Amino acid sequence: MPENMKTFIGSLPIVAKAIGRRYGVHVKIGGARAFTDGNVIHLPALPEDDPQAEVLVNGYLDHEAAHCRFTDFTARHSSNVMQRWLENALEDIRIESLIGRYYPGCGRHLARLVEKLVRDGDDAPLKDDASEAAVLSAYVLRRLRYEVLGQDALEELAVQASERFEAMFPKGLGIKLTAIMAEIRGATSTREAIAIAARIRELLNDEAEEAPESNPDGQATEGRDGGDSLSQPDASSGSDSHDGDDAESGSAHGADDGDADAEGSNSDGTTDKSRRQALQAALKGGDGDFEQDIGGKVASKLEDAADPHGCPRMAEADDEATGAGSDPAGMDTGEVIDETAVRQATARLRSRLAGVIQTETLVQTSRSRAGKRIDRRMLPRLGLADPRVFRSETEETRVDTAVTVLLDRSGSMRGAEIVVAREAALAVEYAFEEIEGVSPSVFAFPGSGGDNRRVRTLHRRGRRVQPRRFGISAGGGTPLTEAAWFAGWDLLTASEPRKILIVITDGHPDDFDSAADVLARMRASGIETLGIGIHTGIQPKLIPESRQIDDAGELAGALFDLLERKLATEVAA
């Protein structure tokens, strides 16, 4: 994002919502928890400016957005704790690798996140008394993150986990396990990740079995019921290869048969039997025994860092909450719009604004076979039988401007004020809509039923104008702070490099100081702020550049005067 936007986007809630829009997922901020339901990523209230929290937010959103984009939430998971952990761990690796291919910056965000987790001690070396399940899960997850995702901060932890694994579990298991783990590189779906997890659990069950004994004739006897429990489940159990509820009974079988003297003794004092028993114990691990996934770790840290009082009070749009294009209950859109007055105001406004807003001129030079001006630098081409030596220039006017209009529909706007304001807003929309390269949005505040946490969408960029949506009535407070935060986010996520906010109001926000602060942030970030006061002036501390109008017919002159003064220096340059 442009460097001059840093002041404004330094606010983490703005960053979070901007990232969500980039990935095509909805982000909601508020409350005390961090989680996703597969469609919406929920974040707790966040402090405005915290570099450490920003690392957590970026990484968490990248991880959870990958789940929203690529995880099949309808896929059936095992009821066995260990296998379910494997399924989730493998799916995390698959989706993080995938989103890194679509958005290369995600890999860097996630790598920085892992570095922070290691630095903060959330990812730490295994303790001497770490459980068998902890060692097994650390081996799987840390090696996958280090070797598949290239998260180098985990190198030492992956090496330590491998050493502990080799010292605890049956010899040769690591090679077999690694071969199956590596298949996640080629997995293309959640179901494939689940299938790989099932194969890993099958391997672990087999390795945990007591070695077959030889009968006097030298033939090996079959263990248990003569077959593998995952590929051939007991019909009476009602389980299949994804349920695996028989893991505990199967893994414990043979643990009390024979003794250490009958087993091969290893140089470190362990026996083959003790190693199998360790694996059996790992297979019996409960929910709290396996290494926590990265989403859970970061969610906990975000919840610890939540700051309800420091978080900007940013509104959301009604159509985001109820569906695009809907008309939420409680917002009257039945008021009559004077189309004649609006069209007259639009015509005057459009003719005057078209020239003053188009400030950037692009000169394109081309070469041709005919013309009036010879480009001497091209004369050597004649010796190459290339007659394109005539120079011509064309000028292309570029606008590339995003405009967001905020319309105050508070109770103090009742009567003539709301009539003038809604007609002025529609006239601005019509005028900008017909200027090539200008991309307008219009929102009214507060939202449905006077909700300060919402803004009412009257028009969004790229959509057809619906005049009936502008037929709103007045009611509620004047939550300009919340609406301005939303407008800043709306402009931030627009692709146009030039960004203008126009506030149409009677100039009396509920919280003057906080509204003035957010508008100042926007100006410091390169967003131009203009004000249209309805029947009253707007204080310069709130919006330095504003004009007062008493009817929609005065809108053209007021906006033209504002834009002309602002652009005079640019045009001259």
Protein backbone atom coordinates (compact mmCIF):
# COMPACT_ATOMS: atom_id res chain seq x y z
CA MET A 1 0.00 0.00 0.00
CA PRO A 2 1.16 3.57 -0.60
CA GLU A 3 3.56 4.86 2.00
CA ASN A 4 1.49 8.01 2.54
CA MET A 5 -1.37 5.83 3.82
CA LYS A 6 0.68 4.50 6.74
CA THR A 7 -0.66 6.98 9.29
CA PHE A 8 -4.20 5.85 8.75
CA ILE A 9 -3.68 2.14 8.10
CA GLY A 10 -1.47 1.96 11.17
CA SER A 11 -4.79 1.35 12.90
CA LEU A 12 -4.98 -2.43 13.17
CA PRO A 13 -8.74 -2.69 12.67
CA ILE A 14 -8.37 -0.88 9.35
CA VAL A 15 -5.51 -3.21 8.38
CA ALA A 16 -7.57 -6.24 9.35
CA LYS A 17 -10.59 -5.29 7.27
CA ALA A 18 -8.42 -4.31 4.30
CA ILE A 19 -6.67 -7.70 4.38
CA GLY A 20 -10.02 -9.44 4.61
CA ARG A 21 -11.30 -7.67 1.51
CA ARG A 22 -8.11 -8.55 -0.38
CA TYR A 23 -8.65 -12.24 0.31
CA GLY A 24 -12.38 -12.12 -0.33
CA VAL A 25 -13.40 -12.90 3.26
CA HIS A 26 -15.39 -10.86 5.76
CA VAL A 27 -13.65 -9.71 8.94
CA LYS A 28 -15.64 -8.66 12.01
CA ILE A 29 -13.96 -6.86 14.90
CA GLY A 30 -15.32 -6.77 18.42
CA GLY A 31 -15.98 -8.99 21.38
CA ALA A 32 -13.34 -10.98 23.20
CA ARG A 33 -12.60 -13.97 20.93
CA ALA A 34 -10.62 -14.74 17.78
CA PHE A 35 -12.04 -17.49 15.55
CA THR A 36 -13.51 -18.27 12.15
CA ASP A 37 -16.72 -20.07 11.24
CA GLY A 38 -15.60 -20.74 7.69
CA ASN A 39 -17.22 -17.60 6.30
CA VAL A 40 -16.31 -14.78 8.68
CA ILE A 41 -13.06 -14.20 10.57
CA HIS A 42 -13.78 -12.76 14.01
CA LEU A 43 -11.16 -10.67 15.81
CA PRO A 44 -11.35 -9.22 19.31
CA ALA A 45 -11.21 -5.46 19.83
CA LEU A 46 -7.65 -4.42 19.04
CA PRO A 47 -5.36 -1.55 20.05
CA GLU A 48 -4.96 1.11 17.38
CA ASP A 49 -1.20 1.07 16.88
CA ASP A 50 0.84 -1.93 18.08
CA PRO A 51 3.65 -3.31 15.85
CA GLN A 52 3.72 -6.61 17.75
CA ALA A 53 -0.03 -7.07 17.49
CA GLU A 54 0.24 -6.28 13.78
CA VAL A 55 2.44 -9.35 13.27
CA LEU A 56 -0.20 -11.46 15.01
CA VAL A 57 -3.05 -9.92 13.02
CA ASN A 58 -1.36 -10.33 9.63
CA GLY A 59 -0.36 -13.92 10.30
CA TYR A 60 -3.68 -14.91 11.86
CA LEU A 61 -5.70 -13.40 9.01
CA ASP A 62 -3.49 -15.08 6.40
CA HIS A 63 -3.89 -18.44 8.15
CA GLU A 64 -7.64 -18.21 8.72
CA ALA A 65 -8.30 -16.69 5.29
CA ALA A 66 -6.53 -19.72 3.81
CA HIS A 67 -8.98 -21.94 5.70
CA CYS A 68 -11.93 -19.88 4.43
CA ARG A 69 -10.65 -20.09 0.87
CA PHE A 70 -9.36 -23.64 0.65
CA THR A 71 -10.67 -25.85 3.48
CA ASP A 72 -13.71 -28.04 2.87
CA PHE A 73 -15.64 -27.58 6.10
CA THR A 74 -18.05 -30.36 5.11
CA ALA A 75 -15.33 -33.00 5.06
CA ARG A 76 -15.79 -35.72 7.67
CA HIS A 77 -13.17 -35.83 10.43
CA SER A 78 -12.20 -38.73 12.67
CA SER A 79 -13.59 -39.05 16.17
CA ASN A 80 -10.19 -40.29 17.36
CA VAL A 81 -8.27 -37.51 19.12
CA MET A 82 -4.86 -38.29 17.69
CA GLN A 83 -6.07 -38.79 14.12
CA ARG A 84 -8.16 -35.62 14.26
CA TRP A 85 -5.08 -33.71 15.40
CA LEU A 86 -3.13 -35.14 12.46
CA GLU A 87 -5.90 -34.14 10.05
CA ASN A 88 -5.89 -30.54 11.29
CA ALA A 89 -2.08 -30.31 11.33
CA LEU A 90 -1.76 -31.60 7.77
CA GLU A 91 -4.57 -29.35 6.55
CA ASP A 92 -2.82 -26.32 8.09
CA ILE A 93 0.31 -27.14 6.09
CA ARG A 94 -1.66 -27.67 2.89
CA ILE A 95 -3.65 -24.44 3.02
CA GLU A 96 -0.73 -22.25 4.13
CA SER A 97 1.35 -23.59 1.26
CA LEU A 98 -1.51 -22.95 -1.14
CA ILE A 99 -2.28 -19.38 -0.10
CA GLY A 100 1.44 -18.61 -0.34
CA ARG A 101 1.30 -19.50 -4.02
CA TYR A 102 -1.65 -17.17 -4.67
CA TYR A 103 -0.39 -14.35 -2.44
CA PRO A 104 3.42 -14.47 -2.03
CA GLY A 105 3.31 -11.97 0.83
CA CYS A 106 1.43 -14.49 2.96
CA GLY A 107 4.49 -16.69 3.25
CA ARG A 108 6.45 -13.78 4.67
CA HIS A 109 3.65 -12.89 7.10
CA LEU A 110 3.42 -16.46 8.37
CA ALA A 111 7.19 -16.78 8.67
CA ARG A 112 7.28 -13.57 10.75
CA LEU A 113 4.47 -14.94 12.87
CA VAL A 114 6.39 -18.15 13.58
CA GLU A 115 9.50 -16.11 14.42
CA LYS A 116 7.45 -14.19 16.97
CA LEU A 117 6.00 -17.37 18.48
CA VAL A 118 9.51 -18.78 18.88
CA ARG A 119 10.85 -15.49 20.29
CA ASP A 120 7.95 -15.24 22.76
CA GLY A 121 8.39 -18.84 23.88
CA ASP A 122 5.05 -20.06 22.55
CA ASP A 123 7.03 -22.49 20.41
CA ALA A 124 9.73 -23.79 22.77
CA PRO A 125 12.04 -26.81 23.08
CA LEU A 126 10.40 -29.94 24.42
CA LYS A 127 10.79 -30.31 28.17
CA ASP A 128 12.54 -33.31 29.67
CA ASP A 129 9.24 -34.63 30.98
CA ALA A 130 7.28 -33.98 27.76
CA SER A 131 4.61 -36.61 27.18
CA GLU A 132 4.78 -39.13 24.37
CA ALA A 133 1.94 -37.34 22.56
CA ALA A 134 3.77 -34.02 22.86
CA VAL A 135 6.96 -35.49 21.36
CA LEU A 136 5.10 -37.16 18.49
CA SER A 137 3.07 -34.06 17.61
CA ALA A 138 6.11 -31.75 17.87
CA TYR A 139 8.02 -34.05 15.51
CA VAL A 140 5.24 -34.00 12.92
CA LEU A 141 4.29 -30.32 13.06
CA ARG A 142 7.71 -28.73 13.47
CA ARG A 143 9.30 -30.79 10.74
CA LEU A 144 6.45 -30.05 8.34
CA ARG A 145 6.57 -26.31 9.02
CA TYR A 146 10.35 -26.20 8.71
CA GLU A 147 10.81 -28.52 5.72
CA VAL A 148 7.60 -28.00 3.72
CA LEU A 149 6.76 -24.35 4.48
CA GLY A 150 10.36 -23.19 4.91
CA GLN A 151 9.77 -21.52 8.28
CA ASP A 152 13.42 -21.38 9.30
CA ALA A 153 12.76 -20.10 12.82
CA LEU A 154 11.71 -23.67 13.69
CA GLU A 155 14.95 -25.33 12.55
CA GLU A 156 16.46 -25.91 16.00
CA LEU A 157 13.12 -26.96 17.47
CA ALA A 158 12.56 -29.40 14.61
CA VAL A 159 16.00 -30.93 15.16
CA GLN A 160 15.41 -31.28 18.89
CA ALA A 161 11.99 -32.84 18.33
CA SER A 162 13.54 -35.33 15.89
CA GLU A 163 16.18 -36.34 18.42
CA ARG A 164 13.59 -36.89 21.12
CA PHE A 165 11.39 -38.82 18.71
CA GLU A 166 14.20 -41.17 17.65
CA ALA A 167 15.15 -41.80 21.27
CA MET A 168 11.56 -42.55 22.38
CA PHE A 169 9.79 -44.48 19.63
CA PRO A 170 10.46 -47.70 17.65
CA LYS A 171 13.55 -47.65 15.48
CA GLY A 172 12.88 -47.02 11.81
CA LEU A 173 9.51 -45.38 12.49
CA GLY A 174 10.81 -41.92 11.63
CA ILE A 175 11.75 -42.92 8.08
CA LYS A 176 8.36 -44.52 7.42
CA LEU A 177 6.46 -41.64 9.00
CA THR A 178 8.40 -38.98 7.11
CA ALA A 179 7.64 -40.68 3.79
CA ILE A 180 3.90 -40.44 4.42
CA MET A 181 4.09 -36.91 5.85
CA ALA A 182 5.81 -35.73 2.67
CA GLU A 183 2.71 -36.61 0.64
CA ILE A 184 1.01 -33.46 1.93
CA ARG A 185 3.08 -31.52 -0.62
CA GLY A 186 0.91 -32.96 -3.39
CA ALA A 187 -2.45 -32.95 -1.58
CA THR A 188 -5.10 -30.97 -3.46
CA SER A 189 -8.03 -31.12 -1.05
CA THR A 190 -9.04 -31.38 2.60
CA ARG A 191 -10.18 -34.94 2.00
CA GLU A 192 -6.74 -35.90 0.73
CA ALA A 193 -5.18 -34.43 3.89
CA ILE A 194 -7.61 -36.51 5.96
CA ALA A 195 -6.66 -39.63 4.01
CA ILE A 196 -2.95 -39.02 4.65
CA ALA A 197 -3.69 -38.63 8.37
CA ALA A 198 -5.53 -41.98 8.34
CA ARG A 199 -2.50 -43.66 6.76
CA ILE A 200 -0.20 -42.15 9.39
CA ARG A 201 -2.40 -43.42 12.18
CA GLU A 202 -2.51 -46.84 10.55
CA LEU A 203 1.30 -46.89 10.46
CA LEU A 204 1.52 -45.85 14.11
CA ASN A 205 -0.96 -48.55 15.16
CA ASP A 206 1.05 -51.16 13.29
CA GLU A 207 4.34 -50.03 14.82
CA ALA A 208 2.81 -50.06 18.29
CA GLU A 209 1.82 -53.71 17.93
CA GLU A 210 3.93 -56.34 19.66
CA ALA A 211 6.26 -58.10 17.21
CA PRO A 212 4.68 -61.37 15.95
CA GLU A 213 5.92 -64.45 17.79
CA SER A 214 7.17 -67.50 15.92
CA ASN A 215 5.48 -70.90 16.55
CA PRO A 216 7.49 -74.13 16.77
CA ASP A 217 7.10 -74.63 13.02
CA GLY A 218 8.73 -71.28 12.39
CA GLN A 219 5.52 -69.59 11.18
CA ALA A 220 4.56 -66.18 12.55
CA THR A 221 1.25 -65.98 14.38
CA GLU A 222 -1.23 -63.20 13.64
CA GLY A 223 -1.75 -60.45 16.16
CA ARG A 224 -5.23 -59.59 17.46
CA ASP A 225 -7.94 -60.53 14.96
CA GLY A 226 -5.66 -61.36 12.03
CA GLY A 227 -5.89 -58.00 10.23
CA ASP A 228 -5.32 -54.24 10.53
CA SER A 229 -8.03 -52.48 12.51
CA LEU A 230 -8.22 -49.44 10.21
CA SER A 231 -8.44 -51.24 6.89
CA GLN A 232 -10.61 -54.03 8.31
CA PRO A 233 -12.70 -52.54 11.15
CA ASP A 234 -14.74 -54.75 13.41
CA ALA A 235 -18.28 -54.74 12.04
CA SER A 236 -19.79 -54.53 15.50
CA SER A 237 -17.96 -51.31 16.33
CA GLY A 238 -19.64 -49.33 13.59
CA SER A 239 -16.33 -47.53 12.83
CA ASP A 240 -14.46 -47.08 9.58
CA SER A 241 -11.00 -45.91 8.57
CA HIS A 242 -11.85 -42.31 9.52
CA ASP A 243 -13.44 -43.05 12.88
CA GLY A 244 -10.80 -45.30 14.44
CA ASP A 245 -12.41 -45.64 17.85
CA ASP A 246 -10.55 -48.95 18.32
CA ALA A 247 -7.12 -47.28 18.52
CA GLU A 248 -6.91 -47.41 22.27
CA SER A 249 -7.76 -51.10 22.63
CA GLY A 250 -5.47 -52.06 19.76
CA SER A 251 -2.52 -49.94 20.79
CA ALA A 252 -2.55 -51.19 24.34
CA HIS A 253 -2.64 -54.86 23.28
CA GLY A 254 0.55 -56.69 24.16
CA ALA A 255 1.81 -54.09 26.58
CA ASP A 256 1.80 -56.56 29.44
CA ASP A 257 2.95 -59.65 27.52
CA GLY A 258 6.57 -60.80 27.86
CA ASP A 259 9.28 -58.86 29.61
CA ALA A 260 12.23 -56.67 28.81
CA ASP A 261 14.65 -59.61 28.83
CA ALA A 262 12.80 -61.10 25.87
CA GLU A 263 13.14 -57.87 23.94
CA GLY A 264 16.10 -56.48 22.08
CA SER A 265 18.09 -54.20 24.35
CA ASN A 266 19.34 -50.90 22.91
CA SER A 267 22.56 -49.08 23.69
CA ASP A 268 20.62 -46.26 25.40
CA GLY A 269 19.05 -48.69 27.84
CA THR A 270 15.65 -48.78 26.14
CA THR A 271 14.08 -51.92 24.76
CA ASP A 272 11.98 -52.46 21.67
CA LYS A 273 9.08 -53.16 23.97
CA SER A 274 9.48 -49.90 25.91
CA ARG A 275 9.59 -47.97 22.64
CA ARG A 276 6.35 -49.60 21.48
CA GLN A 277 4.78 -48.83 24.82
CA ALA A 278 5.78 -45.18 24.38
CA LEU A 279 4.04 -45.14 21.00
CA GLN A 280 0.97 -46.79 22.51
CA ALA A 281 0.88 -44.02 25.12
CA ALA A 282 1.10 -41.38 22.37
CA LEU A 283 -1.81 -42.98 20.54
CA LYS A 284 -3.90 -42.63 23.71
CA GLY A 285 -3.19 -38.89 24.03
CA GLY A 286 -6.06 -36.56 24.90
CA ASP A 287 -7.01 -33.17 23.49
CA GLY A 288 -4.54 -31.28 25.69
CA ASP A 289 -1.61 -33.60 25.06
CA PHE A 290 -0.82 -32.74 21.44
CA GLU A 291 0.94 -29.57 20.26
CA GLN A 292 -1.48 -26.68 19.80
CA ASP A 293 -1.99 -25.55 16.20
CA ILE A 294 -0.81 -22.11 15.11
CA GLY A 295 -4.35 -20.75 14.83
CA GLY A 296 -5.09 -21.62 18.45
CA LYS A 297 -1.82 -20.15 19.70
CA VAL A 298 -2.31 -16.85 17.91
CA ALA A 299 -5.99 -16.62 18.83
CA SER A 300 -5.01 -16.85 22.50
CA LYS A 301 -2.40 -14.12 22.09
CA LEU A 302 -4.84 -11.83 20.28
CA GLU A 303 -7.44 -12.34 22.97
CA ASP A 304 -4.82 -11.48 25.62
CA ALA A 305 -3.90 -8.31 23.69
CA ALA A 306 -7.50 -7.17 23.19
CA ASP A 307 -8.16 -3.57 24.14
CA PRO A 308 -11.87 -2.64 23.92
CA HIS A 309 -11.15 0.96 24.92
CA GLY A 310 -8.27 1.52 22.48
CA CYS A 311 -10.02 0.08 19.45
CA PRO A 312 -11.45 2.59 16.96
CA ARG A 313 -15.25 2.52 16.90
CA MET A 314 -15.61 1.54 13.25
CA ALA A 315 -19.06 1.06 11.77
CA GLU A 316 -20.02 -1.67 9.35
CA ALA A 317 -22.30 -1.35 6.33
CA ASP A 318 -25.87 -2.58 6.58
CA ASP A 319 -25.55 -4.52 3.33
CA GLU A 320 -22.52 -6.40 4.66
CA ALA A 321 -24.56 -7.58 7.61
CA THR A 322 -27.78 -8.42 5.76
CA GLY A 323 -26.62 -9.14 2.22
CA ALA A 324 -25.64 -6.86 -0.64
CA GLY A 325 -28.50 -4.93 -2.13
CA SER A 326 -30.90 -5.60 0.73
CA ASP A 327 -33.03 -3.00 2.46
CA PRO A 328 -32.64 -3.60 6.19
CA ALA A 329 -35.70 -3.08 8.30
CA GLY A 330 -35.87 0.14 10.25
CA MET A 331 -34.44 2.42 7.52
CA ASP A 332 -37.13 4.37 5.73
CA THR A 333 -36.35 4.69 2.02
CA GLY A 334 -39.86 5.76 1.02
CA GLU A 335 -39.30 9.53 1.00
CA VAL A 336 -39.86 11.20 -2.36
CA ILE A 337 -36.81 12.51 -4.21
CA ASP A 338 -37.28 15.64 -6.35
CA GLU A 339 -35.70 14.19 -9.51
CA THR A 340 -36.06 17.47 -11.42
CA ALA A 341 -34.07 19.42 -8.82
CA VAL A 342 -31.48 16.66 -8.60
CA ARG A 343 -31.01 16.44 -12.36
CA GLN A 344 -30.60 20.20 -12.64
CA ALA A 345 -28.03 20.21 -9.88
CA THR A 346 -26.28 17.24 -11.48
CA ALA A 347 -25.98 18.91 -14.88
CA ARG A 348 -24.41 22.02 -13.41
CA LEU A 349 -22.15 20.01 -11.14
CA ARG A 350 -20.94 17.59 -13.81
CA SER A 351 -20.02 20.27 -16.34
CA ARG A 352 -17.94 22.17 -13.80
CA LEU A 353 -16.35 19.22 -12.00
CA ALA A 354 -15.25 17.28 -15.09
CA GLY A 355 -12.54 19.78 -15.88
CA VAL A 356 -11.29 20.48 -12.39
CA ILE A 357 -11.06 16.89 -11.14
CA GLN A 358 -9.13 15.58 -14.15
CA THR A 359 -5.72 16.70 -12.99
CA GLU A 360 -3.29 14.14 -14.34
CA THR A 361 -2.23 14.20 -17.99
CA LEU A 362 -0.40 11.34 -19.64
CA VAL A 363 1.55 12.06 -22.84
CA GLN A 364 2.05 9.05 -25.09
CA THR A 365 4.59 9.16 -27.92
CA SER A 366 4.43 6.90 -30.98
CA ARG A 367 6.25 6.53 -34.32
CA SER A 368 4.53 6.27 -37.71
CA ARG A 369 5.22 6.21 -41.48
CA ALA A 370 3.56 9.60 -42.07
CA GLY A 371 3.30 12.86 -40.21
CA LYS A 372 4.53 16.41 -39.85
CA ARG A 373 7.36 16.00 -37.31
CA ILE A 374 10.46 13.87 -37.95
CA ASP A 375 12.13 12.28 -34.96
CA ARG A 376 15.84 12.68 -35.79
CA ARG A 377 16.72 9.85 -33.43
CA MET A 378 14.80 7.47 -35.68
CA LEU A 379 16.57 8.43 -38.96
CA PRO A 380 19.03 5.49 -38.76
CA ARG A 381 15.99 3.25 -39.22
CA LEU A 382 15.77 4.33 -42.86
CA GLY A 383 18.93 2.36 -43.52
CA LEU A 384 17.11 -0.68 -42.19
CA ALA A 385 14.14 -0.14 -44.49
CA ASP A 386 12.01 1.03 -41.57
CA PRO A 387 10.08 4.18 -42.57
CA ARG A 388 8.59 4.84 -39.10
CA VAL A 389 10.47 8.07 -38.43
CA PHE A 390 7.57 10.49 -37.87
CA ARG A 391 6.70 11.36 -34.28
CA SER A 392 3.23 11.94 -32.92
CA GLU A 393 2.02 12.65 -29.40
CA THR A 394 -1.36 12.03 -27.82
CA GLU A 395 -2.56 13.28 -24.48
CA GLU A 396 -4.75 11.09 -22.34
CA THR A 397 -6.42 12.61 -19.32
CA ARG A 398 -6.48 10.23 -16.36
CA VAL A 399 -8.57 10.62 -13.27
CA ASP A 400 -8.27 7.47 -11.15
CA THR A 401 -10.13 8.98 -8.21
CA ALA A 402 -12.18 7.23 -5.54
CA VAL A 403 -14.84 9.39 -3.86
CA THR A 404 -16.74 8.37 -0.74
CA VAL A 405 -19.67 10.49 0.40
CA LEU A 406 -20.93 10.35 3.99
CA LEU A 407 -24.48 11.65 4.43
CA ASP A 408 -25.60 12.68 7.92
CA ARG A 409 -29.18 11.48 8.57
CA SER A 410 -29.24 12.18 12.31
CA GLY A 411 -32.28 13.54 14.16
CA SER A 412 -30.95 17.09 13.97
CA MET A 413 -31.27 16.86 10.17
CA ARG A 414 -35.07 16.49 10.28
CA GLY A 415 -37.09 18.76 8.05
CA ALA A 416 -35.56 20.82 5.25
CA GLU A 417 -32.01 19.73 6.12
CA ILE A 418 -32.48 16.04 5.24
CA VAL A 419 -34.27 16.99 2.01
CA VAL A 420 -31.37 19.17 0.89
CA ALA A 421 -28.78 16.63 2.09
CA ARG A 422 -30.23 13.58 0.30
CA GLU A 423 -30.76 15.51 -2.94
CA ALA A 424 -27.22 16.86 -2.72
CA ALA A 425 -25.84 13.35 -2.13
CA LEU A 426 -27.70 11.93 -5.13
CA ALA A 427 -26.58 14.85 -7.31
CA VAL A 428 -22.95 14.22 -6.33
CA GLU A 429 -23.38 10.53 -7.12
CA TYR A 430 -24.90 11.19 -10.53
CA ALA A 431 -22.26 13.76 -11.41
CA PHE A 432 -19.24 11.68 -10.43
CA GLU A 433 -20.73 8.52 -11.95
CA GLU A 434 -20.65 10.12 -15.39
CA ILE A 435 -17.08 11.40 -15.19
CA GLU A 436 -14.82 8.72 -16.63
CA GLY A 437 -12.40 7.33 -14.09
CA VAL A 438 -14.19 8.61 -10.98
CA SER A 439 -15.47 5.84 -8.71
CA PRO A 440 -18.02 7.00 -6.10
CA SER A 441 -19.63 5.36 -3.07
CA VAL A 442 -22.32 6.92 -0.85
CA PHE A 443 -23.21 5.95 2.72
CA ALA A 444 -25.62 7.44 5.27
CA PHE A 445 -25.08 7.41 9.01
CA PRO A 446 -26.30 6.20 11.45
CA GLY A 447 -27.56 2.87 10.12
CA SER A 448 -30.89 1.08 10.42
CA GLY A 449 -32.89 2.04 13.50
CA GLY A 450 -30.31 4.68 14.44
CA ASP A 451 -27.59 2.03 15.01
CA ASN A 452 -24.28 3.86 15.56
CA ARG A 453 -22.36 0.71 14.63
CA ARG A 454 -23.74 0.69 11.10
CA VAL A 455 -23.82 2.89 8.03
CA ARG A 456 -26.51 2.66 5.39
CA THR A 457 -25.26 1.84 1.87
CA LEU A 458 -26.87 4.14 -0.67
CA HIS A 459 -24.45 3.28 -3.49
CA ARG A 460 -21.30 1.18 -3.91
CA ARG A 461 -18.57 1.55 -6.49
CA GLY A 462 -19.18 -0.26 -9.73
CA ARG A 463 -22.91 -0.76 -9.18
CA ARG A 464 -25.90 0.85 -10.82
CA VAL A 465 -27.36 3.88 -9.05
CA GLN A 466 -30.75 3.23 -7.43
CA PRO A 467 -32.34 6.65 -6.68
CA ARG A 468 -34.97 5.14 -4.36
CA ARG A 469 -32.24 4.19 -1.88
CA PHE A 470 -31.55 7.89 -1.37
CA GLY A 471 -35.10 8.53 -0.14
CA ILE A 472 -34.08 8.26 3.51
CA SER A 473 -35.51 9.99 6.57
CA ALA A 474 -33.68 11.49 9.55
CA GLY A 475 -33.32 9.90 12.98
CA GLY A 476 -30.77 8.89 15.60
CA GLY A 477 -27.48 10.41 16.70
CA THR A 478 -24.51 11.70 14.71
CA PRO A 479 -21.81 8.96 15.00
CA LEU A 480 -19.37 10.66 12.62
CA THR A 481 -16.37 8.97 14.29
CA GLU A 482 -17.64 5.47 13.52
CA ALA A 483 -18.74 6.44 10.02
CA ALA A 484 -15.44 8.18 9.22
CA TRP A 485 -13.44 5.09 10.23
CA PHE A 486 -15.61 3.06 7.86
CA ALA A 487 -15.19 5.62 5.07
CA GLY A 488 -11.42 5.53 5.55
CA TRP A 489 -11.45 1.77 5.14
CA ASP A 490 -13.71 2.05 2.08
CA LEU A 491 -11.28 4.49 0.46
CA LEU A 492 -8.23 2.50 1.53
CA THR A 493 -9.47 -0.61 -0.25
CA ALA A 494 -10.31 1.28 -3.45
CA SER A 495 -7.74 0.78 -6.22
CA GLU A 496 -7.69 4.44 -7.32
CA PRO A 497 -4.60 6.33 -6.10
CA ARG A 498 -6.45 9.56 -5.44
CA LYS A 499 -9.02 9.42 -2.62
CA ILE A 500 -11.59 12.05 -1.59
CA LEU A 501 -14.04 12.02 1.32
CA ILE A 502 -17.06 14.35 1.17
CA VAL A 503 -19.09 14.75 4.36
CA ILE A 504 -22.58 16.22 4.08
CA THR A 505 -23.71 17.19 7.60
CA ASP A 506 -25.09 19.85 9.89
CA GLY A 507 -21.73 19.82 11.67
CA HIS A 508 -22.66 18.48 15.11
CA PRO A 509 -21.04 15.04 15.71
CA ASP A 510 -21.73 13.09 18.90
CA ASP A 511 -18.03 13.08 19.82
CA PHE A 512 -16.38 16.10 18.24
CA ASP A 513 -12.81 15.39 19.37
CA SER A 514 -12.69 11.75 18.23
CA ALA A 515 -14.31 12.67 14.90
CA ALA A 516 -11.77 15.43 14.39
CA ASP A 517 -8.97 12.97 15.22
CA VAL A 518 -9.96 10.35 12.65
CA LEU A 519 -10.49 12.98 9.94
CA ALA A 520 -7.05 14.43 10.72
CA ARG A 521 -5.56 10.94 10.36
CA MET A 522 -7.16 10.66 6.96
CA ARG A 523 -5.70 13.96 5.79
CA ALA A 524 -2.26 12.99 7.10
CA SER A 525 -2.55 9.80 5.06
CA GLY A 526 -3.27 11.60 1.81
CA ILE A 527 -7.06 11.34 1.83
CA GLU A 528 -8.65 14.67 0.88
CA THR A 529 -11.56 15.69 3.12
CA LEU A 530 -14.26 18.13 2.03
CA GLY A 531 -17.38 19.22 3.87
CA ILE A 532 -20.80 20.44 2.80
CA GLY A 533 -22.65 22.08 5.67
CA ILE A 534 -26.45 21.97 5.45
CA HIS A 535 -27.93 25.28 6.70
CA THR A 536 -24.86 25.72 8.93
CA GLY A 537 -21.11 25.94 8.67
CA ILE A 538 -18.68 23.14 9.62
CA GLN A 539 -15.97 23.99 12.13
CA PRO A 540 -12.50 24.13 10.50
CA LYS A 541 -11.05 21.90 13.24
CA LEU A 542 -13.36 19.15 12.01
CA ILE A 543 -13.05 19.72 8.25
CA PRO A 544 -10.84 22.67 7.25
CA GLU A 545 -12.22 22.91 3.72
CA SER A 546 -16.01 23.15 3.71
CA ARG A 547 -18.87 25.23 2.33
CA GLN A 548 -22.41 25.88 3.52
CA ILE A 549 -25.44 25.39 1.26
CA ASP A 550 -29.16 25.97 1.85
CA ASP A 551 -30.55 24.06 -1.13
CA ALA A 552 -29.33 21.48 -3.66
CA GLY A 553 -29.02 24.16 -6.34
CA GLU A 554 -26.06 25.65 -4.47
CA LEU A 555 -24.16 22.35 -4.43
CA ALA A 556 -22.41 22.79 -7.78
CA GLY A 557 -20.86 26.12 -6.87
CA ALA A 558 -19.83 24.94 -3.39
CA LEU A 559 -18.14 21.72 -4.52
CA PHE A 560 -16.54 23.39 -7.53
CA ASP A 561 -15.09 26.10 -5.33
CA LEU A 562 -13.70 23.51 -2.88
CA LEU A 563 -12.12 21.32 -5.56
CA GLU A 564 -10.83 24.24 -7.62
CA ARG A 565 -8.95 25.69 -4.66
CA LYS A 566 -7.52 22.30 -3.71
CA LEU A 567 -6.42 21.44 -7.22
CA ALA A 568 -5.09 24.83 -8.27
CA THR A 569 -1.54 23.97 -7.22
CA GLU A 570 -1.64 20.54 -8.88
CA VAL A 571 -2.99 21.90 -12.16
CA ALA A 572 -0.34 24.62 -12.23
CA ALA A 573 2.37 22.04 -11.61
